[in-house]
Protein backbone atom coordinates (compact mmCIF):
# COMPACT_ATOMS: atom_id res chain seq x y z
CA MET A 1 70.74 85.26 105.95
CA SER A 2 74.25 84.82 104.62
CA THR A 3 74.78 85.65 100.83
CA THR A 4 77.83 84.14 98.94
CA LEU A 5 79.53 84.54 96.51
CA THR A 6 80.14 82.07 93.96
CA PRO A 7 81.96 83.05 90.03
CA ALA A 8 79.02 82.87 87.27
CA ASP A 9 81.07 80.26 85.56
CA ALA A 10 83.50 78.91 88.06
CA THR A 11 84.78 76.24 85.06
CA GLU A 12 85.43 77.85 82.74
CA LEU A 13 88.64 81.12 82.82
CA THR A 14 89.15 83.33 79.69
CA ALA A 15 91.89 85.08 78.41
CA ALA A 16 90.76 88.51 80.86
CA ASP A 17 91.21 86.45 83.94
CA ARG A 18 94.57 87.60 85.68
CA CYS A 19 97.20 85.85 88.79
CA ASP A 20 95.99 87.52 91.64
CA ARG A 21 99.82 86.87 92.89
CA CYS A 22 101.36 88.66 89.54
CA SER A 23 98.90 90.12 87.05
CA ALA A 24 99.72 87.78 84.83
CA GLN A 25 97.30 85.52 82.20
CA ALA A 26 95.06 82.81 84.76
CA ARG A 27 95.54 79.28 84.10
CA VAL A 28 94.11 77.62 86.79
CA ARG A 29 91.67 78.52 89.22
CA ALA A 30 91.17 77.47 93.08
CA ILE A 31 87.63 78.21 93.99
CA MET A 32 87.69 77.78 98.54
CA HIS A 33 85.55 76.98 101.29
CA GLY A 34 82.80 79.85 100.89
CA GLY A 35 82.45 80.40 97.27
CA ALA A 36 86.25 82.41 97.09
CA ASP A 37 88.40 81.77 93.78
CA LEU A 38 91.77 82.40 93.50
CA LEU A 39 94.05 82.92 90.30
CA PHE A 40 97.10 81.81 89.41
CA CYS A 41 99.42 82.18 86.45
CA ASN A 42 101.11 77.98 86.04
CA HIS A 43 103.98 79.24 87.40
CA HIS A 44 102.62 81.12 91.15
CA ALA A 45 99.84 77.45 90.82
CA GLN A 46 102.76 75.34 90.93
CA GLN A 47 105.05 77.67 93.50
CA TYR A 48 101.44 76.76 95.58
CA GLU A 49 99.89 73.98 94.78
CA GLU A 50 100.40 72.33 97.50
CA GLN A 51 99.44 73.89 100.30
CA LEU A 52 96.04 75.16 97.87
CA ARG A 53 96.01 71.39 97.49
CA LYS A 54 94.29 71.38 101.26
CA VAL A 55 92.62 74.30 101.94
CA ALA A 56 90.76 74.62 98.45
CA VAL A 57 87.20 73.03 97.39
CA ARG A 58 88.17 72.42 94.08
CA ILE A 59 91.47 73.49 91.59
CA ILE A 60 90.80 74.16 87.75
CA GLU A 61 93.32 73.87 85.33
CA SER A 62 92.72 75.61 81.86
CA THR A 63 93.93 73.17 78.96
CA SER A 64 92.98 74.98 75.81
CA PRO A 65 94.25 77.94 74.84
CA LEU A 66 93.12 81.61 75.84
CA GLU A 67 92.92 83.56 72.58
CA SER A 68 92.54 87.71 74.13
CA GLU A 69 88.62 88.97 72.90
CA GLY A 70 90.58 91.37 69.87
CA SER A 71 93.13 88.23 69.09
CA ALA A 72 90.46 86.20 67.11
CA ALA A 73 89.51 89.77 64.67
CA ARG A 74 93.10 89.69 63.65
CA ASP A 75 93.45 86.24 62.58
CA ALA A 76 89.99 86.25 60.40
């Protein structure tokens, strides 16, 4: 039997998600065959976009502002 690890919610990025290249806040999730995912900031997503489109099953871009968990409390 084969086990595939899949992100719990592959559609939504959080403020805790970090770019796999530079550790900046992730804005793009590329889901690969087998369920693995790669996270990228906007800069690195643009840099690797052509290659990602060839190998990713799905690419999800965050369009909403991502807040850290503490920022909502500070704004209140």
